[in-house]
């Protein structure tokens, strides 16, 4: 699925990874996960990884069958995320 098929990207306002993950959780409760995505382009690599790990854990608990798409400025993030089991996240 290309990112043009997504209806809405969630872009956290906070640069603090914990606060950003909380923002994302609140927004995911209000939208369909399949039609949404995360835009973490404004974050640095390490904060984006923290947000993705926290969000993935939340998704696994609340929406176990759902996959959330995300975009980031660099494909480097795939290498960092490879050591984690984040099967419910997909980079677009």
C-alpha atoms as a PDB file:
ATOM      1  CA  UNK A   1       0.000   0.000   0.000  1.00  0.00           C
ATOM      2  CA  UNK A   2       1.417   3.375  -0.872  1.00  0.00           C
ATOM      3  CA  UNK A   3       1.162   6.226   1.564  1.00  0.00           C
ATOM      4  CA  UNK A   4      -1.341   7.952  -0.743  1.00  0.00           C
ATOM      5  CA  UNK A   5      -3.899   5.306   0.248  1.00  0.00           C
ATOM      6  CA  UNK A   6      -3.691   6.348   3.875  1.00  0.00           C
ATOM      7  CA  UNK A   7      -6.355   8.784   4.940  1.00  0.00           C
ATOM      8  CA  UNK A   8      -4.457  10.393   7.780  1.00  0.00           C
ATOM      9  CA  UNK A   9      -0.937  10.582   9.112  1.00  0.00           C
ATOM     10  CA  UNK A  10      -0.526  11.125  12.827  1.00  0.00           C
ATOM     11  CA  UNK A  11       2.318  13.535  13.455  1.00  0.00           C
ATOM     12  CA  UNK A  12       3.078  13.923  17.171  1.00  0.00           C
ATOM     13  CA  UNK A  13       3.590  17.479  18.386  1.00  0.00           C
ATOM     14  CA  UNK A  14       5.845  16.575  21.301  1.00  0.00           C
ATOM     15  CA  UNK A  15       9.508  15.849  20.704  1.00  0.00           C
ATOM     16  CA  UNK A  16       9.625  13.855  23.948  1.00  0.00           C
ATOM     17  CA  UNK A  17       9.228  10.180  22.908  1.00  0.00           C
ATOM     18  CA  UNK A  18       7.052   9.223  25.880  1.00  0.00           C
ATOM     19  CA  UNK A  19       4.707  12.183  25.408  1.00  0.00           C
ATOM     20  CA  UNK A  20       4.651  11.591  21.648  1.00  0.00           C
ATOM     21  CA  UNK A  21       3.666   7.943  22.195  1.00  0.00           C
ATOM     22  CA  UNK A  22       0.843   9.076  24.498  1.00  0.00           C
ATOM     23  CA  UNK A  23      -0.382  11.500  21.815  1.00  0.00           C
ATOM     24  CA  UNK A  24      -0.353   8.689  19.281  1.00  0.00           C
ATOM     25  CA  UNK A  25      -2.278   6.345  21.590  1.00  0.00           C
ATOM     26  CA  UNK A  26      -5.009   8.951  22.094  1.00  0.00           C
ATOM     27  CA  UNK A  27      -5.314   9.547  18.357  1.00  0.00           C
ATOM     28  CA  UNK A  28      -5.332   5.835  17.500  1.00  0.00           C
ATOM     29  CA  UNK A  29      -8.367   5.382  19.751  1.00  0.00           C
ATOM     30  CA  UNK A  30     -10.255   7.836  17.504  1.00  0.00           C
ATOM     31  CA  UNK A  31      -9.259   6.591  14.032  1.00  0.00           C
ATOM     32  CA  UNK A  32      -9.074   3.358  12.076  1.00  0.00           C
ATOM     33  CA  UNK A  33      -5.559   1.986  12.391  1.00  0.00           C
ATOM     34  CA  UNK A  34      -5.623   0.512   8.865  1.00  0.00           C
ATOM     35  CA  UNK A  35      -6.305   3.933   7.338  1.00  0.00           C
ATOM     36  CA  UNK A  36      -3.775   5.815   9.431  1.00  0.00           C
ATOM     37  CA  UNK A  37      -0.040   6.110   9.617  1.00  0.00           C
ATOM     38  CA  UNK A  38       2.649   7.766  11.677  1.00  0.00           C
ATOM     39  CA  UNK A  39       4.788  10.580  10.374  1.00  0.00           C
ATOM     40  CA  UNK A  40       7.947  10.664  12.475  1.00  0.00           C
ATOM     41  CA  UNK A  41       9.919  12.714   9.954  1.00  0.00           C
ATOM     42  CA  UNK A  42      10.397  15.530  12.453  1.00  0.00           C
ATOM     43  CA  UNK A  43      12.139  13.327  15.020  1.00  0.00           C
ATOM     44  CA  UNK A  44      15.697  12.180  15.319  1.00  0.00           C
ATOM     45  CA  UNK A  45      16.465   8.497  14.810  1.00  0.00           C
ATOM     46  CA  UNK A  46      16.694   7.512  18.472  1.00  0.00           C
ATOM     47  CA  UNK A  47      13.502   9.283  19.550  1.00  0.00           C
ATOM     48  CA  UNK A  48      11.629   7.809  16.576  1.00  0.00           C
ATOM     49  CA  UNK A  49      12.783   4.305  17.559  1.00  0.00           C
ATOM     50  CA  UNK A  50      11.559   4.863  21.123  1.00  0.00           C
ATOM     51  CA  UNK A  51       8.182   6.061  19.849  1.00  0.00           C
ATOM     52  CA  UNK A  52       7.859   3.095  17.487  1.00  0.00           C
ATOM     53  CA  UNK A  53       8.700   0.554  20.199  1.00  0.00           C
ATOM     54  CA  UNK A  54       6.170   2.095  22.603  1.00  0.00           C
ATOM     55  CA  UNK A  55       3.524   2.366  19.881  1.00  0.00           C
ATOM     56  CA  UNK A  56       4.110  -1.190  18.681  1.00  0.00           C
ATOM     57  CA  UNK A  57       3.614  -2.522  22.213  1.00  0.00           C
ATOM     58  CA  UNK A  58       0.395  -0.553  22.571  1.00  0.00           C
ATOM     59  CA  UNK A  59      -0.877  -1.775  19.196  1.00  0.00           C
ATOM     60  CA  UNK A  60      -0.101  -5.384  20.033  1.00  0.00           C
ATOM     61  CA  UNK A  61      -2.139  -5.078  23.227  1.00  0.00           C
ATOM     62  CA  UNK A  62      -5.130  -3.123  21.853  1.00  0.00           C
ATOM     63  CA  UNK A  63      -5.238  -4.037  18.154  1.00  0.00           C
ATOM     64  CA  UNK A  64      -3.326  -7.326  17.779  1.00  0.00           C
ATOM     65  CA  UNK A  65      -4.365  -7.964  14.175  1.00  0.00           C
ATOM     66  CA  UNK A  66      -3.598  -4.436  12.940  1.00  0.00           C
ATOM     67  CA  UNK A  67      -0.503  -3.117  11.190  1.00  0.00           C
ATOM     68  CA  UNK A  68       0.423   0.537  11.387  1.00  0.00           C
ATOM     69  CA  UNK A  69       2.420   2.203   8.647  1.00  0.00           C
ATOM     70  CA  UNK A  70       4.981   4.874   9.412  1.00  0.00           C
ATOM     71  CA  UNK A  71       7.278   7.182   7.537  1.00  0.00           C
ATOM     72  CA  UNK A  72      10.655   8.481   8.551  1.00  0.00           C
ATOM     73  CA  UNK A  73      13.264  10.576   6.771  1.00  0.00           C
ATOM     74  CA  UNK A  74      15.864   7.819   6.573  1.00  0.00           C
ATOM     75  CA  UNK A  75      15.761   4.125   5.752  1.00  0.00           C
ATOM     76  CA  UNK A  76      18.444   3.670   8.447  1.00  0.00           C
ATOM     77  CA  UNK A  77      15.634   3.170  10.904  1.00  0.00           C
ATOM     78  CA  UNK A  78      14.949  -0.263   9.394  1.00  0.00           C
ATOM     79  CA  UNK A  79      18.419  -1.427  10.455  1.00  0.00           C
ATOM     80  CA  UNK A  80      17.880  -0.231  14.022  1.00  0.00           C
ATOM     81  CA  UNK A  81      14.391  -1.727  14.244  1.00  0.00           C
ATOM     82  CA  UNK A  82      15.580  -5.094  12.896  1.00  0.00           C
ATOM     83  CA  UNK A  83      16.758  -6.114  16.366  1.00  0.00           C
ATOM     84  CA  UNK A  84      13.234  -5.631  17.746  1.00  0.00           C
ATOM     85  CA  UNK A  85      10.189  -7.765  17.016  1.00  0.00           C
ATOM     86  CA  UNK A  86       7.939  -5.060  15.632  1.00  0.00           C
ATOM     87  CA  UNK A  87       5.901  -7.079  13.169  1.00  0.00           C
ATOM     88  CA  UNK A  88       2.918  -4.760  13.438  1.00  0.00           C
ATOM     89  CA  UNK A  89       4.785  -1.769  11.980  1.00  0.00           C
ATOM     90  CA  UNK A  90       5.588  -1.161   8.325  1.00  0.00           C
ATOM     91  CA  UNK A  91       7.664   1.620   6.823  1.00  0.00           C
ATOM     92  CA  UNK A  92       6.204   3.392   3.775  1.00  0.00           C
END
